[in-house]
PDB file of N, CA and C in Angstrom:
ATOM      1  N   MET A   1       0.846  -1.186   0.000  1.00  0.00           N
ATOM      2  CA  MET A   1       0.000   0.000   0.000  1.00  0.00           C
ATOM      3  C   MET A   1       0.884   1.239   0.000  1.00  0.00           C
ATOM      4  N   ASN A   2       0.576   2.154  -0.881  1.00  0.00           N
ATOM      5  CA  ASN A   2       1.298   3.418  -0.820  1.00  0.00           C
ATOM      6  C   ASN A   2       0.586   4.340   0.183  1.00  0.00           C
ATOM      7  N   GLN A   3       1.169   5.504   0.404  1.00  0.00           N
ATOM      8  CA  GLN A   3       0.633   6.429   1.408  1.00  0.00           C
ATOM      9  C   GLN A   3      -0.824   6.795   1.148  1.00  0.00           C
ATOM     10  N   ALA A   4      -1.178   7.045  -0.096  1.00  0.00           N
ATOM     11  CA  ALA A   4      -2.560   7.416  -0.423  1.00  0.00           C
ATOM     12  C   ALA A   4      -3.521   6.280  -0.084  1.00  0.00           C
ATOM     13  N   GLU A   5      -3.122   5.050  -0.376  1.00  0.00           N
ATOM     14  CA  GLU A   5      -3.969   3.895  -0.064  1.00  0.00           C
ATOM     15  C   GLU A   5      -4.103   3.694   1.443  1.00  0.00           C
ATOM     16  N   VAL A   6      -3.034   3.928   2.161  1.00  0.00           N
ATOM     17  CA  VAL A   6      -3.086   3.824   3.624  1.00  0.00           C
ATOM     18  C   VAL A   6      -4.045   4.865   4.185  1.00  0.00           C
ATOM     19  N   MET A   7      -3.913   6.103   3.737  1.00  0.00           N
ATOM     20  CA  MET A   7      -4.801   7.162   4.225  1.00  0.00           C
ATOM     21  C   MET A   7      -6.255   6.846   3.904  1.00  0.00           C
ATOM     22  N   GLU A   8      -6.512   6.298   2.731  1.00  0.00           N
ATOM     23  CA  GLU A   8      -7.879   5.931   2.360  1.00  0.00           C
ATOM     24  C   GLU A   8      -8.415   4.856   3.301  1.00  0.00           C
ATOM     25  N   ALA A   9      -7.612   3.858   3.598  1.00  0.00           N
ATOM     26  CA  ALA A   9      -8.042   2.791   4.508  1.00  0.00           C
ATOM     27  C   ALA A   9      -8.285   3.329   5.913  1.00  0.00           C
ATOM     28  N   ILE A  10      -7.440   4.231   6.357  1.00  0.00           N
ATOM     29  CA  ILE A  10      -7.612   4.815   7.691  1.00  0.00           C
ATOM     30  C   ILE A  10      -8.882   5.658   7.737  1.00  0.00           C
ATOM     31  N   ASN A  11      -9.083   6.475   6.718  1.00  0.00           N
ATOM     32  CA  ASN A  11     -10.233   7.384   6.705  1.00  0.00           C
ATOM     33  C   ASN A  11     -11.558   6.703   6.389  1.00  0.00           C
ATOM     34  N   ASN A  12     -11.548   5.673   5.556  1.00  0.00           N
ATOM     35  CA  ASN A  12     -12.799   5.055   5.110  1.00  0.00           C
ATOM     36  C   ASN A  12     -13.124   3.729   5.782  1.00  0.00           C
ATOM     37  N   ASP A  13     -12.118   3.021   6.217  1.00  0.00           N
ATOM     38  CA  ASP A  13     -12.348   1.692   6.791  1.00  0.00           C
ATOM     39  C   ASP A  13     -12.212   1.671   8.306  1.00  0.00           C
ATOM     40  N   ASP A  14     -11.992   2.842   8.903  1.00  0.00           N
ATOM     41  CA  ASP A  14     -11.856   2.946  10.357  1.00  0.00           C
ATOM     42  C   ASP A  14     -10.759   2.015  10.880  1.00  0.00           C
ATOM     43  N   ARG A  15      -9.629   2.008  10.192  1.00  0.00           N
ATOM     44  CA  ARG A  15      -8.482   1.194  10.578  1.00  0.00           C
ATOM     45  C   ARG A  15      -7.369   2.117  11.037  1.00  0.00           C
ATOM     46  N   THR A  16      -6.473   1.621  11.863  1.00  0.00           N
ATOM     47  CA  THR A  16      -5.302   2.391  12.268  1.00  0.00           C
ATOM     48  C   THR A  16      -4.108   1.954  11.430  1.00  0.00           C
ATOM     49  N   ALA A  17      -3.092   2.785  11.417  1.00  0.00           N
ATOM     50  CA  ALA A  17      -1.866   2.434  10.707  1.00  0.00           C
ATOM     51  C   ALA A  17      -1.274   1.148  11.287  1.00  0.00           C
ATOM     52  N   GLN A  18      -1.319   1.021  12.602  1.00  0.00           N
ATOM     53  CA  GLN A  18      -0.774  -0.186  13.231  1.00  0.00           C
ATOM     54  C   GLN A  18      -1.544  -1.434  12.806  1.00  0.00           C
ATOM     55  N   GLU A  19      -2.851  -1.344  12.763  1.00  0.00           N
ATOM     56  CA  GLU A  19      -3.654  -2.496  12.327  1.00  0.00           C
ATOM     57  C   GLU A  19      -3.312  -2.903  10.897  1.00  0.00           C
ATOM     58  N   LEU A  20      -3.158  -1.923  10.027  1.00  0.00           N
ATOM     59  CA  LEU A  20      -2.823  -2.219   8.634  1.00  0.00           C
ATOM     60  C   LEU A  20      -1.479  -2.932   8.532  1.00  0.00           C
ATOM     61  N   LEU A  21      -0.498  -2.450   9.276  1.00  0.00           N
ATOM     62  CA  LEU A  21       0.818  -3.082   9.241  1.00  0.00           C
ATOM     63  C   LEU A  21       0.782  -4.488   9.822  1.00  0.00           C
ATOM     64  N   LEU A  22       0.127  -4.637  10.967  1.00  0.00           N
ATOM     65  CA  LEU A  22       0.094  -5.949  11.617  1.00  0.00           C
ATOM     66  C   LEU A  22      -0.666  -6.986  10.805  1.00  0.00           C
ATOM     67  N   ASP A  23      -1.587  -6.548   9.956  1.00  0.00           N
ATOM     68  CA  ASP A  23      -2.287  -7.484   9.066  1.00  0.00           C
ATOM     69  C   ASP A  23      -1.313  -8.210   8.142  1.00  0.00           C
ATOM     70  N   VAL A  24      -0.311  -7.502   7.677  1.00  0.00           N
ATOM     71  CA  VAL A  24       0.621  -8.095   6.710  1.00  0.00           C
ATOM     72  C   VAL A  24       1.962  -8.489   7.324  1.00  0.00           C
ATOM     73  N   MET A  25       2.292  -7.897   8.467  1.00  0.00           N
ATOM     74  CA  MET A  25       3.544  -8.210   9.168  1.00  0.00           C
ATOM     75  C   MET A  25       3.261  -8.294  10.662  1.00  0.00           C
ATOM     76  N   PRO A  26       2.773  -9.415  11.130  1.00  0.00           N
ATOM     77  CA  PRO A  26       2.350  -9.546  12.525  1.00  0.00           C
ATOM     78  C   PRO A  26       3.444  -9.286  13.562  1.00  0.00           C
ATOM     79  N   THR A  27       4.704  -9.428  13.191  1.00  0.00           N
ATOM     80  CA  THR A  27       5.784  -9.232  14.168  1.00  0.00           C
ATOM     81  C   THR A  27       6.448  -7.859  14.064  1.00  0.00           C
ATOM     82  N   ALA A  28       5.917  -6.976  13.238  1.00  0.00           N
ATOM     83  CA  ALA A  28       6.570  -5.688  12.988  1.00  0.00           C
ATOM     84  C   ALA A  28       6.740  -4.849  14.253  1.00  0.00           C
ATOM     85  N   VAL A  29       5.719  -4.749  15.075  1.00  0.00           N
ATOM     86  CA  VAL A  29       5.810  -3.928  16.289  1.00  0.00           C
ATOM     87  C   VAL A  29       6.824  -4.528  17.256  1.00  0.00           C
ATOM     88  N   THR A  30       6.801  -5.831  17.408  1.00  0.00           N
ATOM     89  CA  THR A  30       7.764  -6.506  18.283  1.00  0.00           C
ATOM     90  C   THR A  30       9.188  -6.268  17.786  1.00  0.00           C
ATOM     91  N   ARG A  31       9.383  -6.390  16.494  1.00  0.00           N
ATOM     92  CA  ARG A  31      10.712  -6.160  15.920  1.00  0.00           C
ATOM     93  C   ARG A  31      11.156  -4.717  16.125  1.00  0.00           C
ATOM     94  N   PHE A  32      10.252  -3.767  15.912  1.00  0.00           N
ATOM     95  CA  PHE A  32      10.572  -2.354  16.111  1.00  0.00           C
ATOM     96  C   PHE A  32      10.976  -2.108  17.562  1.00  0.00           C
ATOM     97  N   ASN A  33      10.201  -2.656  18.492  1.00  0.00           N
ATOM     98  CA  ASN A  33      10.516  -2.478  19.911  1.00  0.00           C
ATOM     99  C   ASN A  33      11.867  -3.084  20.265  1.00  0.00           C
ATOM    100  N   ARG A  34      12.201  -4.224  19.678  1.00  0.00           N
ATOM    101  CA  ARG A  34      13.490  -4.864  19.938  1.00  0.00           C
ATOM    102  C   ARG A  34      14.638  -3.989  19.422  1.00  0.00           C
ATOM    103  N   VAL A  35      14.484  -3.440  18.230  1.00  0.00           N
ATOM    104  CA  VAL A  35      15.525  -2.588  17.651  1.00  0.00           C
ATOM    105  C   VAL A  35      15.713  -1.322  18.477  1.00  0.00           C
ATOM    106  N   THR A  36      14.627  -0.685  18.865  1.00  0.00           N
ATOM    107  CA  THR A  36      14.751   0.552  19.641  1.00  0.00           C
ATOM    108  C   THR A  36      15.314   0.274  21.031  1.00  0.00           C
ATOM    109  N   ALA A  37      14.976  -0.869  21.616  1.00  0.00           N
ATOM    110  CA  ALA A  37      15.559  -1.238  22.912  1.00  0.00           C
ATOM    111  C   ALA A  37      17.065  -1.438  22.775  1.00  0.00           C
ATOM    112  N   SER A  38      17.484  -2.018  21.673  1.00  0.00           N
ATOM    113  CA  SER A  38      18.905  -2.221  21.428  1.00  0.00           C
ATOM    114  C   SER A  38      19.632  -0.882  21.263  1.00  0.00           C
ATOM    115  N   LEU A  39      19.032   0.042  20.521  1.00  0.00           N
ATOM    116  CA  LEU A  39      19.616   1.378  20.381  1.00  0.00           C
ATOM    117  C   LEU A  39      19.719   2.071  21.736  1.00  0.00           C
ATOM    118  N   ASN A  40      18.690   1.930  22.547  1.00  0.00           N
ATOM    119  CA  ASN A  40      18.696   2.543  23.866  1.00  0.00           C
ATOM    120  C   ASN A  40      19.785   1.936  24.748  1.00  0.00           C
ATOM    121  N   SER A  41      19.927   0.626  24.705  1.00  0.00           N
ATOM    122  CA  SER A  41      20.943  -0.062  25.496  1.00  0.00           C
ATOM    123  C   SER A  41      22.350   0.398  25.104  1.00  0.00           C
ATOM    124  N   LEU A  42      22.589   0.525  23.804  1.00  0.00           N
ATOM    125  CA  LEU A  42      23.881   1.015  23.335  1.00  0.00           C
ATOM    126  C   LEU A  42      24.154   2.409  23.877  1.00  0.00           C
ATOM    127  N   LEU A  43      23.172   3.285  23.813  1.00  0.00           N
ATOM    128  CA  LEU A  43      23.363   4.654  24.283  1.00  0.00           C
ATOM    129  C   LEU A  43      23.624   4.693  25.784  1.00  0.00           C
ATOM    130  N   ILE A  44      22.949   3.868  26.544  1.00  0.00           N
ATOM    131  CA  ILE A  44      23.192   3.797  27.993  1.00  0.00           C
ATOM    132  C   ILE A  44      24.642   3.409  28.256  1.00  0.00           C
ATOM    133  N   ASP A  45      25.146   2.420  27.528  1.00  0.00           N
ATOM    134  CA  ASP A  45      26.541   1.995  27.699  1.00  0.00           C
ATOM    135  C   ASP A  45      27.514   3.100  27.311  1.00  0.00           C
ATOM    136  N   ILE A  46      27.254   3.777  26.198  1.00  0.00           N
ATOM    137  CA  ILE A  46      28.133   4.862  25.756  1.00  0.00           C
ATOM    138  C   ILE A  46      28.137   5.991  26.773  1.00  0.00           C
ATOM    139  N   ARG A  47      26.977   6.298  27.353  1.00  0.00           N
ATOM    140  CA  ARG A  47      26.882   7.405  28.316  1.00  0.00           C
ATOM    141  C   ARG A  47      27.633   7.138  29.615  1.00  0.00           C
ATOM    142  N   LYS A  48      28.038   5.917  29.860  1.00  0.00           N
ATOM    143  CA  LYS A  48      28.897   5.638  31.018  1.00  0.00           C
ATOM    144  C   LYS A  48      30.248   6.317  30.833  1.00  0.00           C
ATOM    145  N   HIS A  49      30.649   6.518  29.583  1.00  0.00           N
ATOM    146  CA  HIS A  49      31.929   7.147  29.265  1.00  0.00           C
ATOM    147  C   HIS A  49      31.766   8.566  28.731  1.00  0.00           C
ATOM    148  N   PHE A  50      30.667   8.816  28.042  1.00  0.00           N
ATOM    149  CA  PHE A  50      30.382  10.114  27.433  1.00  0.00           C
ATOM    150  C   PHE A  50      28.941  10.488  27.779  1.00  0.00           C
ATOM    151  N   PRO A  51      28.726  11.115  28.941  1.00  0.00           N
ATOM    152  CA  PRO A  51      27.358  11.331  29.442  1.00  0.00           C
ATOM    153  C   PRO A  51      26.468  12.211  28.565  1.00  0.00           C
ATOM    154  N   ASP A  52      27.044  12.957  27.645  1.00  0.00           N
ATOM    155  CA  ASP A  52      26.237  13.819  26.781  1.00  0.00           C
ATOM    156  C   ASP A  52      25.939  13.184  25.425  1.00  0.00           C
ATOM    157  N   ALA A  53      26.315  11.930  25.244  1.00  0.00           N
ATOM    158  CA  ALA A  53      26.082  11.247  23.967  1.00  0.00           C
ATOM    159  C   ALA A  53      24.587  11.195  23.662  1.00  0.00           C
ATOM    160  N   CYS A  54      24.274  11.188  22.368  1.00  0.00           N
ATOM    161  CA  CYS A  54      22.873  11.156  21.955  1.00  0.00           C
ATOM    162  C   CYS A  54      22.772  10.668  20.517  1.00  0.00           C
ATOM    163  N   TYR A  55      21.568  10.377  20.109  1.00  0.00           N
ATOM    164  CA  TYR A  55      21.275  10.123  18.704  1.00  0.00           C
ATOM    165  C   TYR A  55      20.683  11.398  18.135  1.00  0.00           C
ATOM    166  N   TYR A  56      20.960  11.643  16.868  1.00  0.00           N
ATOM    167  CA  TYR A  56      20.439  12.828  16.195  1.00  0.00           C
ATOM    168  C   TYR A  56      20.056  12.437  14.777  1.00  0.00           C
ATOM    169  N   SER A  57      18.911  12.883  14.340  1.00  0.00           N
ATOM    170  CA  SER A  57      18.457  12.620  12.981  1.00  0.00           C
ATOM    171  C   SER A  57      18.642  13.881  12.151  1.00  0.00           C
ATOM    172  N   ALA A  58      19.392  13.740  11.062  1.00  0.00           N
ATOM    173  CA  ALA A  58      19.637  14.884  10.186  1.00  0.00           C
ATOM    174  C   ALA A  58      19.622  14.418   8.738  1.00  0.00           C
ATOM    175  N   SER A  59      18.828  15.071   7.916  1.00  0.00           N
ATOM    176  CA  SER A  59      18.801  14.789   6.471  1.00  0.00           C
ATOM    177  C   SER A  59      18.667  13.303   6.169  1.00  0.00           C
ATOM    178  N   ASP A  60      17.680  12.672   6.764  1.00  0.00           N
ATOM    179  CA  ASP A  60      17.390  11.251   6.547  1.00  0.00           C
ATOM    180  C   ASP A  60      18.491  10.319   7.036  1.00  0.00           C
ATOM    181  N   THR A  61      19.329  10.793   7.953  1.00  0.00           N
ATOM    182  CA  THR A  61      20.349   9.931   8.538  1.00  0.00           C
ATOM    183  C   THR A  61      20.125   9.825  10.040  1.00  0.00           C
ATOM    184  N   LEU A  62      20.699   8.799  10.621  1.00  0.00           N
ATOM    185  CA  LEU A  62      20.731   8.639  12.068  1.00  0.00           C
ATOM    186  C   LEU A  62      22.183   8.772  12.484  1.00  0.00           C
ATOM    187  N   CYS A  63      22.461   9.707  13.373  1.00  0.00           N
ATOM    188  CA  CYS A  63      23.827   9.963  13.819  1.00  0.00           C
ATOM    189  C   CYS A  63      23.970   9.600  15.290  1.00  0.00           C
ATOM    190  N   LEU A  64      25.107   9.017  15.619  1.00  0.00           N
ATOM    191  CA  LEU A  64      25.497   8.831  17.010  1.00  0.00           C
ATOM    192  C   LEU A  64      26.488   9.939  17.313  1.00  0.00           C
ATOM    193  N   MET A  65      26.188  10.734  18.333  1.00  0.00           N
ATOM    194  CA  MET A  65      27.016  11.889  18.659  1.00  0.00           C
ATOM    195  C   MET A  65      27.480  11.812  20.102  1.00  0.00           C
ATOM    196  N   LEU A  66      28.630  12.418  20.373  1.00  0.00           N
ATOM    197  CA  LEU A  66      29.149  12.460  21.736  1.00  0.00           C
ATOM    198  C   LEU A  66      28.768  13.747  22.445  1.00  0.00           C
ATOM    199  N   GLY A  67      27.782  14.438  21.936  1.00  0.00           N
ATOM    200  CA  GLY A  67      27.278  15.666  22.532  1.00  0.00           C
ATOM    201  C   GLY A  67      26.153  16.215  21.681  1.00  0.00           C
ATOM    202  N   ASP A  68      25.725  17.408  22.016  1.00  0.00           N
ATOM    203  CA  ASP A  68      24.607  18.036  21.313  1.00  0.00           C
ATOM    204  C   ASP A  68      24.944  18.325  19.852  1.00  0.00           C
ATOM    205  N   SER A  69      23.921  18.296  19.029  1.00  0.00           N
ATOM    206  CA  SER A  69      24.107  18.566  17.600  1.00  0.00           C
ATOM    207  C   SER A  69      24.459  20.025  17.333  1.00  0.00           C
ATOM    208  N   HIS A  70      24.044  20.904  18.232  1.00  0.00           N
ATOM    209  CA  HIS A  70      24.287  22.331  18.060  1.00  0.00           C
ATOM    210  C   HIS A  70      24.769  22.932  19.381  1.00  0.00           C
ATOM    211  N   SER A  71      25.629  23.935  19.275  1.00  0.00           N
ATOM    212  CA  SER A  71      26.135  24.627  20.455  1.00  0.00           C
ATOM    213  C   SER A  71      25.057  25.544  21.025  1.00  0.00           C
ATOM    214  N   ASP A  72      25.369  26.167  22.148  1.00  0.00           N
ATOM    215  CA  ASP A  72      24.417  27.090  22.773  1.00  0.00           C
ATOM    216  C   ASP A  72      24.071  28.262  21.856  1.00  0.00           C
ATOM    217  N   ASP A  73      25.002  28.637  20.975  1.00  0.00           N
ATOM    218  CA  ASP A  73      24.707  29.722  20.032  1.00  0.00           C
ATOM    219  C   ASP A  73      24.237  29.177  18.682  1.00  0.00           C
ATOM    220  N   GLU A  74      23.690  27.945  18.699  1.00  0.00           N
ATOM    221  CA  GLU A  74      23.016  27.303  17.570  1.00  0.00           C
ATOM    222  C   GLU A  74      23.928  26.966  16.390  1.00  0.00           C
ATOM    223  N   GLN A  75      25.221  26.850  16.635  1.00  0.00           N
ATOM    224  CA  GLN A  75      26.153  26.446  15.587  1.00  0.00           C
ATOM    225  C   GLN A  75      26.231  24.922  15.536  1.00  0.00           C
ATOM    226  N   PRO A  76      26.234  24.325  14.344  1.00  0.00           N
ATOM    227  CA  PRO A  76      26.346  22.872  14.227  1.00  0.00           C
ATOM    228  C   PRO A  76      27.656  22.375  14.842  1.00  0.00           C
ATOM    229  N   GLN A  77      27.582  21.218  15.458  1.00  0.00           N
ATOM    230  CA  GLN A  77      28.770  20.603  16.059  1.00  0.00           C
ATOM    231  C   GLN A  77      29.014  19.239  15.410  1.00  0.00           C
ATOM    232  N   CYS A  78      29.190  19.262  14.096  1.00  0.00           N
ATOM    233  CA  CYS A  78      29.357  18.026  13.321  1.00  0.00           C
ATOM    234  C   CYS A  78      30.573  17.227  13.763  1.00  0.00           C
ATOM    235  N   GLU A  79      31.558  17.884  14.369  1.00  0.00           N
ATOM    236  CA  GLU A  79      32.756  17.185  14.817  1.00  0.00           C
ATOM    237  C   GLU A  79      32.453  16.183  15.936  1.00  0.00           C
ATOM    238  N   LEU A  80      31.267  16.258  16.542  1.00  0.00           N
ATOM    239  CA  LEU A  80      30.882  15.317  17.594  1.00  0.00           C
ATOM    240  C   LEU A  80      30.219  14.057  17.048  1.00  0.00           C
ATOM    241  N   VAL A  81      30.033  13.974  15.727  1.00  0.00           N
ATOM    242  CA  VAL A  81      29.430  12.789  15.113  1.00  0.00           C
ATOM    243  C   VAL A  81      30.449  11.652  15.121  1.00  0.00           C
ATOM    244  N   VAL A  82      30.065  10.532  15.720  1.00  0.00           N
ATOM    245  CA  VAL A  82      30.900   9.333  15.725  1.00  0.00           C
ATOM    246  C   VAL A  82      30.674   8.551  14.440  1.00  0.00           C
ATOM    247  N   ILE A  83      29.408   8.361  14.112  1.00  0.00           N
ATOM    248  CA  ILE A  83      29.025   7.603  12.923  1.00  0.00           C
ATOM    249  C   ILE A  83      27.639   8.063  12.490  1.00  0.00           C
ATOM    250  N   ALA A  84      27.418   8.005  11.190  1.00  0.00           N
ATOM    251  CA  ALA A  84      26.102   8.348  10.633  1.00  0.00           C
ATOM    252  C   ALA A  84      25.726   7.276   9.621  1.00  0.00           C
ATOM    253  N   THR A  85      24.448   6.986   9.547  1.00  0.00           N
ATOM    254  CA  THR A  85      23.974   5.987   8.603  1.00  0.00           C
ATOM    255  C   THR A  85      22.649   6.428   8.000  1.00  0.00           C
ATOM    256  N   ASN A  86      22.407   5.996   6.781  1.00  0.00           N
ATOM    257  CA  ASN A  86      21.104   6.269   6.173  1.00  0.00           C
ATOM    258  C   ASN A  86      20.202   5.045   6.275  1.00  0.00           C
ATOM    259  N   LYS A  87      20.615   4.087   7.084  1.00  0.00           N
ATOM    260  CA  LYS A  87      19.800   2.895   7.334  1.00  0.00           C
ATOM    261  C   LYS A  87      19.584   2.805   8.831  1.00  0.00           C
ATOM    262  N   PRO A  88      18.448   2.997   9.333  1.00  0.00           N
ATOM    263  CA  PRO A  88      17.205   3.235   8.604  1.00  0.00           C
ATOM    264  C   PRO A  88      17.099   4.696   8.189  1.00  0.00           C
ATOM    265  N   MET A  89      16.312   4.956   7.150  1.00  0.00           N
ATOM    266  CA  MET A  89      16.050   6.331   6.753  1.00  0.00           C
ATOM    267  C   MET A  89      15.085   6.915   7.781  1.00  0.00           C
ATOM    268  N   ILE A  90      15.513   7.995   8.407  1.00  0.00           N
ATOM    269  CA  ILE A  90      14.698   8.626   9.446  1.00  0.00           C
ATOM    270  C   ILE A  90      14.450  10.064   9.039  1.00  0.00           C
ATOM    271  N   GLY A  91      13.199  10.413   8.849  1.00  0.00           N
ATOM    272  CA  GLY A  91      12.845  11.785   8.516  1.00  0.00           C
ATOM    273  C   GLY A  91      12.888  12.655   9.761  1.00  0.00           C
ATOM    274  N   GLY A  92      13.296  13.875   9.599  1.00  0.00           N
ATOM    275  CA  GLY A  92      13.317  14.799  10.719  1.00  0.00           C
ATOM    276  C   GLY A  92      12.080  15.675  10.708  1.00  0.00           C
ATOM    277  N   GLY A  93      11.977  16.499  11.695  1.00  0.00           N
ATOM    278  CA  GLY A  93      10.853  17.417  11.747  1.00  0.00           C
ATOM    279  C   GLY A  93      10.023  17.226  12.993  1.00  0.00           C
ATOM    280  N   ASP A  94       8.989  17.969  13.076  1.00  0.00           N
ATOM    281  CA  ASP A  94       8.114  17.940  14.235  1.00  0.00           C
ATOM    282  C   ASP A  94       6.677  17.959  13.737  1.00  0.00           C
ATOM    283  N   TRP A  95       5.768  17.530  14.572  1.00  0.00           N
ATOM    284  CA  TRP A  95       4.354  17.519  14.208  1.00  0.00           C
ATOM    285  C   TRP A  95       3.874  18.929  14.210  1.00  0.00           C
TER     286      TRP A  95
END
């Protein structure tokens, strides 16, 4: 299903996005929770040595950083990026 088909099913069939996904991939939520728990566990371990470490999403990438993405005067701190990946593709933004 593309996005338009998903929206149609949600709006016309009184279905949720989660229900639609679980219909075709019953383990998707469990897998997602396992992956995010693993990311969280890694960050907890890293913060034992670098307490300001964090994940940051920028331009469809996921970055592991040893500090904030931007300084107090809003300047990018790209030198704090340890590694960046485009897998998974993560969109940025806010609701």
